[in-house]
Every structure is written in structure tokens, then in C-alpha cells.
């Protein structure tokens, strides 16, 4: 990575990041990283709209901007880009906006491999073959490259390492956004949810379903929570699950994941899994994770009980 302007590095998070570079160098992956950082992202913005869009980022009379920070992808597909970009950039900076130009590139070999894998046409292709198109674009973008604040060669980067690099550089707090964690309670009898990174089974814990006074309540109810937390194995289970999550989640984030779903399953998804999911989400929030508990099946058992009762009443009335 070549740093062109050290003063831009010291300014903190910019108001506008202009993301540009060679086709196939990772601009789509970079855009996803900026979205995770809370930037308002626009792909292939026409250069003529750049001053208009910039007004959305500038503070209004009350001192607040309608868009706090933005990342704009502008590349060779935009017709006036090559000839008018320098002037447009000067106008933005003249308005007092902190604008950072990030230029992504990669070796000819890497770009050839990526286009071959995706089987997508190169936007500069004119019939001379892929390699010629890559080299033509590289030459055409040389002026834009010279205006960049930061030039990043993505040849050796994966999606994950590129994301980590961008998060470290462009996070408003220099630490990246908190990892978002969804702790999902469910009942095994209704099937396991898809797309979980981790799954905890709590069917080994005492079941409030077999306590008549608790059967019709849920894991949200204080009486169910008190019953479960009075059992040493419940507290120990929550402690060990939480300890494992606090170890694993930073490792997931390091590898580029910004969102993790943790499943917590019991038999019906009404008592044990609900209570444990709530407890884990609370503990993770205290540790700085953006965690929330979602309960897929908590109402299903109650609905089924009501349906059975209604069916019995109907049969009785028929008789």
C-alpha cells in the first residue's frame, strides 16, 4: 500500500470517500466494508451529480448533516470521469469537505484470474482480448491514480483481509463497528434455523414445562427465570457459553464477519432457550457487542394449546 498524502491519514474519518480504481480490483468488496462501517454508499454515481450529493454531507443550519459520511464508487464506466474528475475533486475540497480518494489496483495476472473466474466481460473490452483491456484501462486511469490519497494493491488480498484493512483505516472510532450478534432461540421440534454460525443445545437443563405453575409461561417471565437461575447447572451453562462466545466472536470479526447468528435450542423454544438467549445477549452487550435476542418459536406452543382447547370445545358442542 502506497500512502500518497500523510496529512489525509491524520484527519480521522473523512466526510466522503471516493472509491475508484481498476475493474476487478475489489471495489464491490470494499463497498461492503464501508457499508458495515456505517457509510452511505452509492455505486457508479454520475460525476455531474457529485456536487449535488456533496450538499447532503455538509452540515445544515442546525449543525447536522443529512448524511454523516459517504462512500462513492466512481469508475471508468462513468463517461465524464477521466476528463472532469480533478476539477470536481477541487470543488468538493474547496467547500471544506474532507474528501479521501482511495484507488484500488491489482496485477495483470490477478485481474485476469478474477475476470476468468467470474466470467464477466471487462468494461474496457473492445475485441482485443482481456489482457489488452486491462492494460488499456490501467493507462486510462493513470491520471486518476496520481490524484489518489491512498493506492492499495489488492493482488494478495482476500475479501476478508481487504475488509479488515479498510475497517482499520476508515472506522470513525479507529476500531471498526461493533460486531452484530443475533442470539436466536428456537424449538428443535419445529426444525433448526438455517444459516447459523454457532448452535447451543440447552435440552440438558431442567424443563419448566414439567412444572404445572410454569408450563403456560415463557422464558421471558420472571417466575421462569427465577426457577431456572436457581439451578446451578443453568448458571454454569450460561457462563460457559458466554465465555466461549467472548473468545470466538473477535476471531470471527478478524476474519471479516460483521454479523453472527448464534442459535440456542430447546425442545419447544418456549422456556429454556428463551431465557438463555436473553441472558447471553445481555452479557454480550455489556462486553460491547451489538447483540440482540430473537425468539422464533416462543408463541407457537401457546397457539397450539389454544387450538387444541378450541377443538375440544367444538367436539363437545357437536355432541
C-alpha atoms as a PDB file:
ATOM      1  CA  UNK A   1       0.000   0.000   0.000  1.00  0.00           C
ATOM      2  CA  UNK A   2       1.379   3.405  -1.018  1.00  0.00           C
ATOM      3  CA  UNK A   3       0.339   6.397   1.070  1.00  0.00           C
ATOM      4  CA  UNK A   4       0.251   9.486  -1.104  1.00  0.00           C
ATOM      5  CA  UNK A   5      -0.754  12.147   1.425  1.00  0.00           C
ATOM      6  CA  UNK A   6       0.138  11.638   5.059  1.00  0.00           C
ATOM      7  CA  UNK A   7      -1.992  14.576   6.177  1.00  0.00           C
ATOM      8  CA  UNK A   8      -5.121  12.768   4.949  1.00  0.00           C
ATOM      9  CA  UNK A   9      -4.285   9.872   7.258  1.00  0.00           C
ATOM     10  CA  UNK A  10      -4.279  12.145  10.300  1.00  0.00           C
ATOM     11  CA  UNK A  11      -7.646  13.771   9.716  1.00  0.00           C
ATOM     12  CA  UNK A  12      -9.708  10.890  11.024  1.00  0.00           C
ATOM     13  CA  UNK A  13     -12.746   9.558   9.223  1.00  0.00           C
ATOM     14  CA  UNK A  14     -13.387  11.552   6.006  1.00  0.00           C
ATOM     15  CA  UNK A  15     -16.740  13.058   5.070  1.00  0.00           C
ATOM     16  CA  UNK A  16     -16.602  11.447   1.629  1.00  0.00           C
ATOM     17  CA  UNK A  17     -14.535   8.522   0.414  1.00  0.00           C
ATOM     18  CA  UNK A  18     -14.304   8.311  -3.357  1.00  0.00           C
ATOM     19  CA  UNK A  19     -13.621   4.694  -4.175  1.00  0.00           C
ATOM     20  CA  UNK A  20     -12.134   4.149  -7.602  1.00  0.00           C
ATOM     21  CA  UNK A  21      -9.561   2.034  -9.396  1.00  0.00           C
ATOM     22  CA  UNK A  22      -9.228  -0.780 -11.883  1.00  0.00           C
ATOM     23  CA  UNK A  23     -12.137  -3.037 -12.756  1.00  0.00           C
ATOM     24  CA  UNK A  24     -11.839  -6.295 -10.825  1.00  0.00           C
ATOM     25  CA  UNK A  25      -9.634  -4.823  -8.098  1.00  0.00           C
ATOM     26  CA  UNK A  26     -12.203  -5.308  -5.320  1.00  0.00           C
ATOM     27  CA  UNK A  27     -14.392  -2.207  -5.345  1.00  0.00           C
ATOM     28  CA  UNK A  28     -17.547  -4.241  -4.632  1.00  0.00           C
ATOM     29  CA  UNK A  29     -15.916  -5.895  -1.612  1.00  0.00           C
ATOM     30  CA  UNK A  30     -14.652  -2.520  -0.441  1.00  0.00           C
ATOM     31  CA  UNK A  31     -18.155  -1.061  -0.733  1.00  0.00           C
ATOM     32  CA  UNK A  32     -19.473  -3.803   1.557  1.00  0.00           C
ATOM     33  CA  UNK A  33     -16.827  -2.903   4.138  1.00  0.00           C
ATOM     34  CA  UNK A  34     -17.815   0.771   4.042  1.00  0.00           C
ATOM     35  CA  UNK A  35     -21.477  -0.193   4.476  1.00  0.00           C
ATOM     36  CA  UNK A  36     -20.508  -2.163   7.594  1.00  0.00           C
ATOM     37  CA  UNK A  37     -18.781   0.986   8.881  1.00  0.00           C
ATOM     38  CA  UNK A  38     -21.986   2.977   8.534  1.00  0.00           C
ATOM     39  CA  UNK A  39     -21.090   4.906   5.387  1.00  0.00           C
ATOM     40  CA  UNK A  40     -23.877   5.799   2.958  1.00  0.00           C
ATOM     41  CA  UNK A  41     -22.712   4.018  -0.216  1.00  0.00           C
ATOM     42  CA  UNK A  42     -23.546   4.859  -3.825  1.00  0.00           C
ATOM     43  CA  UNK A  43     -22.228   2.818  -6.738  1.00  0.00           C
ATOM     44  CA  UNK A  44     -21.350   4.385 -10.091  1.00  0.00           C
ATOM     45  CA  UNK A  45     -22.503   7.887  -9.195  1.00  0.00           C
ATOM     46  CA  UNK A  46     -22.550  10.180 -12.287  1.00  0.00           C
ATOM     47  CA  UNK A  47     -19.838  12.772 -11.843  1.00  0.00           C
ATOM     48  CA  UNK A  48     -22.274  15.585 -12.650  1.00  0.00           C
ATOM     49  CA  UNK A  49     -24.251  14.663  -9.521  1.00  0.00           C
ATOM     50  CA  UNK A  50     -21.233  14.759  -7.233  1.00  0.00           C
ATOM     51  CA  UNK A  51     -21.649  18.427  -6.135  1.00  0.00           C
ATOM     52  CA  UNK A  52     -25.366  17.863  -5.540  1.00  0.00           C
ATOM     53  CA  UNK A  53     -24.692  14.766  -3.440  1.00  0.00           C
ATOM     54  CA  UNK A  54     -21.979  16.594  -1.503  1.00  0.00           C
ATOM     55  CA  UNK A  55     -24.575  19.029  -0.171  1.00  0.00           C
ATOM     56  CA  UNK A  56     -26.201  16.134   1.678  1.00  0.00           C
ATOM     57  CA  UNK A  57     -22.981  15.615   3.616  1.00  0.00           C
ATOM     58  CA  UNK A  58     -22.457  19.274   4.520  1.00  0.00           C
ATOM     59  CA  UNK A  59     -23.876  20.465   7.874  1.00  0.00           C
ATOM     60  CA  UNK A  60     -27.160  22.364   7.725  1.00  0.00           C
ATOM     61  CA  UNK A  61     -28.070  25.409   9.813  1.00  0.00           C
ATOM     62  CA  UNK A  62     -28.624  23.256  12.894  1.00  0.00           C
ATOM     63  CA  UNK A  63     -25.106  21.850  12.539  1.00  0.00           C
ATOM     64  CA  UNK A  64     -26.232  18.395  11.479  1.00  0.00           C
ATOM     65  CA  UNK A  65     -25.766  16.763   8.088  1.00  0.00           C
ATOM     66  CA  UNK A  66     -28.427  14.663   6.420  1.00  0.00           C
ATOM     67  CA  UNK A  67     -25.704  12.096   5.665  1.00  0.00           C
ATOM     68  CA  UNK A  68     -22.877  11.869   8.183  1.00  0.00           C
ATOM     69  CA  UNK A  69     -20.365  10.196   5.861  1.00  0.00           C
ATOM     70  CA  UNK A  70     -20.476   8.668   2.403  1.00  0.00           C
ATOM     71  CA  UNK A  71     -18.532   6.311   0.173  1.00  0.00           C
ATOM     72  CA  UNK A  72     -18.970   6.836  -3.549  1.00  0.00           C
ATOM     73  CA  UNK A  73     -17.845   4.363  -6.196  1.00  0.00           C
ATOM     74  CA  UNK A  74     -16.862   6.179  -9.389  1.00  0.00           C
ATOM     75  CA  UNK A  75     -15.031   4.273 -12.087  1.00  0.00           C
ATOM     76  CA  UNK A  76     -14.330   4.112 -15.794  1.00  0.00           C
ATOM     77  CA  UNK A  77     -17.970   3.271 -16.554  1.00  0.00           C
ATOM     78  CA  UNK A  78     -18.866   6.920 -15.796  1.00  0.00           C
ATOM     79  CA  UNK A  79     -18.477   8.782 -19.078  1.00  0.00           C
ATOM     80  CA  UNK A  80     -17.062  12.119 -17.830  1.00  0.00           C
ATOM     81  CA  UNK A  81     -14.929  10.594 -15.097  1.00  0.00           C
ATOM     82  CA  UNK A  82     -11.493  10.749 -16.721  1.00  0.00           C
ATOM     83  CA  UNK A  83     -11.716  14.299 -18.018  1.00  0.00           C
ATOM     84  CA  UNK A  84     -13.606  16.068 -15.216  1.00  0.00           C
ATOM     85  CA  UNK A  85     -12.664  14.277 -12.012  1.00  0.00           C
ATOM     86  CA  UNK A  86      -9.801  16.548 -10.955  1.00  0.00           C
ATOM     87  CA  UNK A  87     -11.928  19.679 -11.204  1.00  0.00           C
ATOM     88  CA  UNK A  88     -14.833  18.046  -9.332  1.00  0.00           C
ATOM     89  CA  UNK A  89     -12.449  16.980  -6.566  1.00  0.00           C
ATOM     90  CA  UNK A  90     -11.110  20.523  -6.179  1.00  0.00           C
ATOM     91  CA  UNK A  91     -14.651  21.874  -5.897  1.00  0.00           C
ATOM     92  CA  UNK A  92     -15.516  19.479  -3.065  1.00  0.00           C
ATOM     93  CA  UNK A  93     -12.378  20.236  -1.111  1.00  0.00           C
ATOM     94  CA  UNK A  94     -12.923  23.941  -1.710  1.00  0.00           C
ATOM     95  CA  UNK A  95     -16.253  23.594   0.110  1.00  0.00           C
ATOM     96  CA  UNK A  96     -14.439  22.421   3.221  1.00  0.00           C
ATOM     97  CA  UNK A  97     -15.316  18.742   2.907  1.00  0.00           C
ATOM     98  CA  UNK A  98     -12.775  16.117   3.883  1.00  0.00           C
ATOM     99  CA  UNK A  99     -12.565  14.011   0.734  1.00  0.00           C
ATOM    100  CA  UNK A 100     -10.377  10.929   0.549  1.00  0.00           C
ATOM    101  CA  UNK A 101      -9.647   9.252  -2.791  1.00  0.00           C
ATOM    102  CA  UNK A 102      -8.953   5.533  -2.470  1.00  0.00           C
ATOM    103  CA  UNK A 103      -7.580   3.858  -5.589  1.00  0.00           C
ATOM    104  CA  UNK A 104      -7.626   0.047  -5.816  1.00  0.00           C
ATOM    105  CA  UNK A 105      -5.492  -1.837  -8.285  1.00  0.00           C
ATOM    106  CA  UNK A 106      -4.043  -5.316  -8.825  1.00  0.00           C
ATOM    107  CA  UNK A 107      -1.545  -7.086 -11.039  1.00  0.00           C
ATOM    108  CA  UNK A 108      -2.472  -8.059 -14.600  1.00  0.00           C
ATOM    109  CA  UNK A 109      -2.330 -11.727 -13.572  1.00  0.00           C
ATOM    110  CA  UNK A 110      -4.690 -11.225 -10.629  1.00  0.00           C
ATOM    111  CA  UNK A 111      -7.190  -9.257 -12.700  1.00  0.00           C
ATOM    112  CA  UNK A 112      -7.120 -11.851 -15.467  1.00  0.00           C
ATOM    113  CA  UNK A 113      -7.786 -14.620 -12.968  1.00  0.00           C
ATOM    114  CA  UNK A 114     -10.671 -12.764 -11.345  1.00  0.00           C
ATOM    115  CA  UNK A 115     -12.406 -11.984 -14.630  1.00  0.00           C
ATOM    116  CA  UNK A 116     -11.898 -15.574 -15.770  1.00  0.00           C
ATOM    117  CA  UNK A 117     -13.437 -16.899 -12.544  1.00  0.00           C
ATOM    118  CA  UNK A 118     -16.470 -14.613 -12.690  1.00  0.00           C
ATOM    119  CA  UNK A 119     -16.837 -14.880 -16.479  1.00  0.00           C
ATOM    120  CA  UNK A 120     -17.875 -11.250 -16.639  1.00  0.00           C
ATOM    121  CA  UNK A 121     -16.805  -9.000 -19.537  1.00  0.00           C
ATOM    122  CA  UNK A 122     -14.238  -6.302 -18.853  1.00  0.00           C
ATOM    123  CA  UNK A 123     -15.790  -2.819 -19.309  1.00  0.00           C
ATOM    124  CA  UNK A 124     -12.819  -1.704 -21.444  1.00  0.00           C
ATOM    125  CA  UNK A 125     -13.028  -4.718 -23.757  1.00  0.00           C
ATOM    126  CA  UNK A 126     -13.030  -3.693 -27.436  1.00  0.00           C
ATOM    127  CA  UNK A 127     -12.249  -7.008 -29.096  1.00  0.00           C
ATOM    128  CA  UNK A 128      -8.522  -7.239 -28.399  1.00  0.00           C
ATOM    129  CA  UNK A 129      -8.822  -9.689 -25.519  1.00  0.00           C
ATOM    130  CA  UNK A 130      -8.881  -9.459 -21.734  1.00  0.00           C
ATOM    131  CA  UNK A 131      -5.227  -8.600 -21.148  1.00  0.00           C
ATOM    132  CA  UNK A 132      -5.332  -5.733 -23.635  1.00  0.00           C
ATOM    133  CA  UNK A 133      -8.483  -4.388 -21.969  1.00  0.00           C
ATOM    134  CA  UNK A 134      -6.796  -4.482 -18.541  1.00  0.00           C
ATOM    135  CA  UNK A 135      -3.749  -2.634 -19.829  1.00  0.00           C
ATOM    136  CA  UNK A 136      -5.859  -0.061 -21.695  1.00  0.00           C
ATOM    137  CA  UNK A 137      -7.805   0.701 -18.523  1.00  0.00           C
ATOM    138  CA  UNK A 138      -4.617   0.934 -16.462  1.00  0.00           C
ATOM    139  CA  UNK A 139      -3.234   3.526 -18.882  1.00  0.00           C
ATOM    140  CA  UNK A 140      -6.509   5.460 -18.993  1.00  0.00           C
ATOM    141  CA  UNK A 141      -6.721   5.577 -15.191  1.00  0.00           C
ATOM    142  CA  UNK A 142      -3.129   6.779 -14.662  1.00  0.00           C
ATOM    143  CA  UNK A 143      -4.183  10.405 -14.122  1.00  0.00           C
ATOM    144  CA  UNK A 144      -6.863   9.424 -11.606  1.00  0.00           C
ATOM    145  CA  UNK A 145      -4.319   7.259  -9.820  1.00  0.00           C
ATOM    146  CA  UNK A 146      -1.984  10.226  -9.443  1.00  0.00           C
ATOM    147  CA  UNK A 147      -4.729  12.127  -7.592  1.00  0.00           C
ATOM    148  CA  UNK A 148      -5.361   9.370  -5.053  1.00  0.00           C
ATOM    149  CA  UNK A 149      -4.662   9.797  -1.362  1.00  0.00           C
ATOM    150  CA  UNK A 150      -4.150   6.089  -0.967  1.00  0.00           C
ATOM    151  CA  UNK A 151      -3.266   3.391  -3.509  1.00  0.00           C
ATOM    152  CA  UNK A 152      -3.949  -0.180  -2.424  1.00  0.00           C
ATOM    153  CA  UNK A 153      -2.763  -3.199  -4.389  1.00  0.00           C
ATOM    154  CA  UNK A 154      -5.281  -5.986  -3.768  1.00  0.00           C
ATOM    155  CA  UNK A 155      -3.396  -8.720  -5.643  1.00  0.00           C
ATOM    156  CA  UNK A 156      -2.601 -10.645  -2.445  1.00  0.00           C
ATOM    157  CA  UNK A 157      -5.731  -9.673  -0.544  1.00  0.00           C
ATOM    158  CA  UNK A 158      -8.724 -11.867   0.137  1.00  0.00           C
ATOM    159  CA  UNK A 159     -12.189 -10.425   0.695  1.00  0.00           C
ATOM    160  CA  UNK A 160     -11.566 -10.738   4.439  1.00  0.00           C
ATOM    161  CA  UNK A 161      -8.119  -9.140   4.598  1.00  0.00           C
ATOM    162  CA  UNK A 162      -9.210  -6.239   2.395  1.00  0.00           C
ATOM    163  CA  UNK A 163     -12.204  -5.631   4.617  1.00  0.00           C
ATOM    164  CA  UNK A 164     -10.017  -5.691   7.736  1.00  0.00           C
ATOM    165  CA  UNK A 165      -7.610  -3.180   6.194  1.00  0.00           C
ATOM    166  CA  UNK A 166     -10.427  -0.778   5.307  1.00  0.00           C
ATOM    167  CA  UNK A 167     -12.134  -1.116   8.683  1.00  0.00           C
ATOM    168  CA  UNK A 168      -8.886  -0.308  10.473  1.00  0.00           C
ATOM    169  CA  UNK A 169      -8.264   2.734   8.285  1.00  0.00           C
ATOM    170  CA  UNK A 170     -11.726   4.250   7.865  1.00  0.00           C
ATOM    171  CA  UNK A 171     -13.605   3.400  11.046  1.00  0.00           C
ATOM    172  CA  UNK A 172     -14.818   6.637  12.694  1.00  0.00           C
ATOM    173  CA  UNK A 173     -13.529   5.383  16.051  1.00  0.00           C
ATOM    174  CA  UNK A 174     -10.487   3.583  14.570  1.00  0.00           C
ATOM    175  CA  UNK A 175     -11.734   0.294  15.981  1.00  0.00           C
ATOM    176  CA  UNK A 176     -14.404  -0.731  13.492  1.00  0.00           C
ATOM    177  CA  UNK A 177     -18.075  -1.112  14.150  1.00  0.00           C
ATOM    178  CA  UNK A 178     -19.270  -3.436  16.928  1.00  0.00           C
ATOM    179  CA  UNK A 179     -19.922  -6.957  15.727  1.00  0.00           C
ATOM    180  CA  UNK A 180     -23.640  -7.564  15.348  1.00  0.00           C
ATOM    181  CA  UNK A 181     -24.745 -10.748  17.077  1.00  0.00           C
ATOM    182  CA  UNK A 182     -28.199 -12.282  16.801  1.00  0.00           C
ATOM    183  CA  UNK A 183     -28.922 -14.795  19.551  1.00  0.00           C
ATOM    184  CA  UNK A 184     -31.810 -16.839  18.176  1.00  0.00           C
ATOM    185  CA  UNK A 185     -33.902 -19.086  20.412  1.00  0.00           C
ATOM    186  CA  UNK A 186     -35.891 -21.887  18.796  1.00  0.00           C
ATOM    187  CA  UNK A 187     -37.537 -25.238  19.410  1.00  0.00           C
ATOM    188  CA  UNK A 188     -35.975 -28.364  17.907  1.00  0.00           C
ATOM    189  CA  UNK A 189     -39.445 -29.819  17.377  1.00  0.00           C
ATOM    190  CA  UNK A 190     -40.050 -27.103  14.758  1.00  0.00           C
ATOM    191  CA  UNK A 191     -36.754 -27.654  12.950  1.00  0.00           C
ATOM    192  CA  UNK A 192     -33.357 -25.973  13.190  1.00  0.00           C
ATOM    193  CA  UNK A 193     -32.985 -22.460  11.712  1.00  0.00           C
ATOM    194  CA  UNK A 194     -30.744 -22.137   8.638  1.00  0.00           C
ATOM    195  CA  UNK A 195     -27.552 -20.095   8.432  1.00  0.00           C
ATOM    196  CA  UNK A 196     -26.269 -20.290  11.987  1.00  0.00           C
ATOM    197  CA  UNK A 197     -22.584 -19.886  12.744  1.00  0.00           C
ATOM    198  CA  UNK A 198     -22.948 -21.449  16.208  1.00  0.00           C
ATOM    199  CA  UNK A 199     -25.556 -23.691  17.814  1.00  0.00           C
ATOM    200  CA  UNK A 200     -26.030 -24.282  21.532  1.00  0.00           C
ATOM    201  CA  UNK A 201     -28.411 -27.009  22.713  1.00  0.00           C
ATOM    202  CA  UNK A 202     -29.953 -26.473  26.162  1.00  0.00           C
ATOM    203  CA  UNK A 203     -32.155 -29.566  26.365  1.00  0.00           C
ATOM    204  CA  UNK A 204     -29.886 -30.824  29.158  1.00  0.00           C
ATOM    205  CA  UNK A 205     -31.278 -28.151  31.508  1.00  0.00           C
ATOM    206  CA  UNK A 206     -34.321 -28.636  33.814  1.00  0.00           C
ATOM    207  CA  UNK A 207     -37.506 -28.091  31.833  1.00  0.00           C
ATOM    208  CA  UNK A 208     -40.117 -25.671  33.273  1.00  0.00           C
ATOM    209  CA  UNK A 209     -42.708 -27.357  31.046  1.00  0.00           C
ATOM    210  CA  UNK A 210     -42.988 -30.106  33.647  1.00  0.00           C
ATOM    211  CA  UNK A 211     -43.734 -27.602  36.439  1.00  0.00           C
ATOM    212  CA  UNK A 212     -47.519 -27.044  36.258  1.00  0.00           C
ATOM    213  CA  UNK A 213     -47.339 -23.450  37.517  1.00  0.00           C
ATOM    214  CA  UNK A 214     -44.769 -22.560  34.837  1.00  0.00           C
ATOM    215  CA  UNK A 215     -45.960 -24.596  31.855  1.00  0.00           C
ATOM    216  CA  UNK A 216     -48.036 -21.840  30.236  1.00  0.00           C
ATOM    217  CA  UNK A 217     -45.462 -19.114  30.873  1.00  0.00           C
ATOM    218  CA  UNK A 218     -42.412 -18.309  28.740  1.00  0.00           C
ATOM    219  CA  UNK A 219     -38.712 -17.772  29.322  1.00  0.00           C
ATOM    220  CA  UNK A 220     -39.400 -14.025  29.491  1.00  0.00           C
ATOM    221  CA  UNK A 221     -41.456 -14.429  32.657  1.00  0.00           C
ATOM    222  CA  UNK A 222     -39.723 -13.569  35.921  1.00  0.00           C
ATOM    223  CA  UNK A 223     -41.003 -16.763  37.568  1.00  0.00           C
ATOM    224  CA  UNK A 224     -39.483 -18.969  34.871  1.00  0.00           C
ATOM    225  CA  UNK A 225     -36.212 -17.023  35.029  1.00  0.00           C
ATOM    226  CA  UNK A 226     -36.065 -17.398  38.817  1.00  0.00           C
ATOM    227  CA  UNK A 227     -36.777 -21.119  38.556  1.00  0.00           C
ATOM    228  CA  UNK A 228     -34.018 -21.669  36.008  1.00  0.00           C
ATOM    229  CA  UNK A 229     -31.399 -19.436  37.620  1.00  0.00           C
ATOM    230  CA  UNK A 230     -31.925 -21.254  40.891  1.00  0.00           C
ATOM    231  CA  UNK A 231     -30.445 -24.356  39.246  1.00  0.00           C
ATOM    232  CA  UNK A 232     -26.627 -24.406  39.399  1.00  0.00           C
ATOM    233  CA  UNK A 233     -26.293 -26.135  36.016  1.00  0.00           C
ATOM    234  CA  UNK A 234     -28.197 -23.303  34.320  1.00  0.00           C
ATOM    235  CA  UNK A 235     -25.880 -20.605  35.634  1.00  0.00           C
ATOM    236  CA  UNK A 236     -22.849 -22.729  34.783  1.00  0.00           C
ATOM    237  CA  UNK A 237     -24.130 -23.336  31.241  1.00  0.00           C
ATOM    238  CA  UNK A 238     -24.760 -19.647  30.586  1.00  0.00           C
ATOM    239  CA  UNK A 239     -21.327 -18.783  31.979  1.00  0.00           C
ATOM    240  CA  UNK A 240     -19.543 -21.327  29.774  1.00  0.00           C
ATOM    241  CA  UNK A 241     -21.499 -20.386  26.627  1.00  0.00           C
ATOM    242  CA  UNK A 242     -20.749 -16.717  27.215  1.00  0.00           C
ATOM    243  CA  UNK A 243     -17.083 -17.411  27.860  1.00  0.00           C
ATOM    244  CA  UNK A 244     -16.833 -19.298  24.560  1.00  0.00           C
ATOM    245  CA  UNK A 245     -18.606 -16.507  22.658  1.00  0.00           C
ATOM    246  CA  UNK A 246     -16.331 -13.828  24.090  1.00  0.00           C
ATOM    247  CA  UNK A 247     -13.395 -15.857  22.794  1.00  0.00           C
ATOM    248  CA  UNK A 248     -14.816 -16.743  19.364  1.00  0.00           C
ATOM    249  CA  UNK A 249     -16.568 -13.537  18.267  1.00  0.00           C
ATOM    250  CA  UNK A 250     -13.406 -11.387  18.000  1.00  0.00           C
ATOM    251  CA  UNK A 251     -11.879 -14.154  15.876  1.00  0.00           C
ATOM    252  CA  UNK A 252     -14.903 -14.139  13.563  1.00  0.00           C
ATOM    253  CA  UNK A 253     -14.574 -10.355  13.276  1.00  0.00           C
ATOM    254  CA  UNK A 254     -10.864 -10.645  12.499  1.00  0.00           C
ATOM    255  CA  UNK A 255     -11.735 -12.916   9.574  1.00  0.00           C
ATOM    256  CA  UNK A 256     -14.125 -10.361   8.122  1.00  0.00           C
ATOM    257  CA  UNK A 257     -17.511 -11.335   9.556  1.00  0.00           C
ATOM    258  CA  UNK A 258     -19.595  -8.420  10.744  1.00  0.00           C
ATOM    259  CA  UNK A 259     -22.738 -10.408  11.637  1.00  0.00           C
ATOM    260  CA  UNK A 260     -23.002 -13.698  13.512  1.00  0.00           C
ATOM    261  CA  UNK A 261     -26.093 -15.739  14.366  1.00  0.00           C
ATOM    262  CA  UNK A 262     -25.960 -17.910  17.481  1.00  0.00           C
ATOM    263  CA  UNK A 263     -28.731 -20.465  17.825  1.00  0.00           C
ATOM    264  CA  UNK A 264     -29.994 -21.610  21.236  1.00  0.00           C
ATOM    265  CA  UNK A 265     -32.350 -24.559  21.045  1.00  0.00           C
ATOM    266  CA  UNK A 266     -34.540 -26.424  23.495  1.00  0.00           C
ATOM    267  CA  UNK A 267     -37.444 -28.801  22.817  1.00  0.00           C
ATOM    268  CA  UNK A 268     -40.266 -26.329  22.210  1.00  0.00           C
ATOM    269  CA  UNK A 269     -38.449 -22.990  22.063  1.00  0.00           C
ATOM    270  CA  UNK A 270     -40.577 -21.539  24.861  1.00  0.00           C
ATOM    271  CA  UNK A 271     -38.757 -21.717  28.202  1.00  0.00           C
ATOM    272  CA  UNK A 272     -35.082 -22.690  28.428  1.00  0.00           C
ATOM    273  CA  UNK A 273     -33.823 -21.405  25.076  1.00  0.00           C
ATOM    274  CA  UNK A 274     -35.615 -18.065  25.544  1.00  0.00           C
ATOM    275  CA  UNK A 275     -34.157 -17.484  28.993  1.00  0.00           C
ATOM    276  CA  UNK A 276     -30.628 -18.481  27.935  1.00  0.00           C
ATOM    277  CA  UNK A 277     -30.747 -16.396  24.732  1.00  0.00           C
ATOM    278  CA  UNK A 278     -31.804 -13.316  26.703  1.00  0.00           C
ATOM    279  CA  UNK A 279     -29.039 -13.877  29.259  1.00  0.00           C
ATOM    280  CA  UNK A 280     -26.359 -14.299  26.585  1.00  0.00           C
ATOM    281  CA  UNK A 281     -27.466 -11.194  24.668  1.00  0.00           C
ATOM    282  CA  UNK A 282     -27.340  -9.084  27.840  1.00  0.00           C
ATOM    283  CA  UNK A 283     -23.853 -10.272  28.714  1.00  0.00           C
ATOM    284  CA  UNK A 284     -22.556  -9.706  25.184  1.00  0.00           C
ATOM    285  CA  UNK A 285     -23.955  -6.153  25.142  1.00  0.00           C
ATOM    286  CA  UNK A 286     -22.072  -5.420  28.348  1.00  0.00           C
ATOM    287  CA  UNK A 287     -18.909  -6.505  26.523  1.00  0.00           C
ATOM    288  CA  UNK A 288     -19.505  -4.082  23.664  1.00  0.00           C
ATOM    289  CA  UNK A 289     -21.142  -6.357  21.083  1.00  0.00           C
ATOM    290  CA  UNK A 290     -24.278  -5.173  19.276  1.00  0.00           C
ATOM    291  CA  UNK A 291     -26.256  -8.206  20.436  1.00  0.00           C
ATOM    292  CA  UNK A 292     -29.980  -8.834  20.357  1.00  0.00           C
ATOM    293  CA  UNK A 293     -32.108 -11.830  21.259  1.00  0.00           C
ATOM    294  CA  UNK A 294     -34.707 -13.049  18.751  1.00  0.00           C
ATOM    295  CA  UNK A 295     -37.257 -15.715  19.672  1.00  0.00           C
ATOM    296  CA  UNK A 296     -38.630 -17.735  16.781  1.00  0.00           C
ATOM    297  CA  UNK A 297     -40.926 -20.225  18.486  1.00  0.00           C
ATOM    298  CA  UNK A 298     -41.859 -18.713  21.846  1.00  0.00           C
ATOM    299  CA  UNK A 299     -45.507 -18.218  20.845  1.00  0.00           C
ATOM    300  CA  UNK A 300     -46.049 -21.464  18.975  1.00  0.00           C
ATOM    301  CA  UNK A 301     -46.691 -23.702  21.967  1.00  0.00           C
ATOM    302  CA  UNK A 302     -49.294 -21.285  23.320  1.00  0.00           C
ATOM    303  CA  UNK A 303     -51.069 -21.135  19.968  1.00  0.00           C
ATOM    304  CA  UNK A 304     -51.131 -24.924  19.710  1.00  0.00           C
ATOM    305  CA  UNK A 305     -52.557 -25.230  23.223  1.00  0.00           C
ATOM    306  CA  UNK A 306     -55.278 -22.723  22.337  1.00  0.00           C
ATOM    307  CA  UNK A 307     -56.063 -24.564  19.103  1.00  0.00           C
ATOM    308  CA  UNK A 308     -56.379 -27.898  20.949  1.00  0.00           C
ATOM    309  CA  UNK A 309     -58.654 -26.321  23.547  1.00  0.00           C
ATOM    310  CA  UNK A 310     -60.818 -24.804  20.813  1.00  0.00           C
ATOM    311  CA  UNK A 311     -61.005 -28.155  19.024  1.00  0.00           C
ATOM    312  CA  UNK A 312     -62.158 -29.911  22.194  1.00  0.00           C
ATOM    313  CA  UNK A 313     -64.821 -27.270  22.732  1.00  0.00           C
ATOM    314  CA  UNK A 314     -66.050 -27.707  19.161  1.00  0.00           C
ATOM    315  CA  UNK A 315     -66.265 -31.502  19.504  1.00  0.00           C
ATOM    316  CA  UNK A 316     -68.099 -31.154  22.795  1.00  0.00           C
ATOM    317  CA  UNK A 317     -70.645 -28.759  21.283  1.00  0.00           C
ATOM    318  CA  UNK A 318     -71.249 -31.129  18.357  1.00  0.00           C
ATOM    319  CA  UNK A 319     -72.028 -33.910  20.723  1.00  0.00           C
END
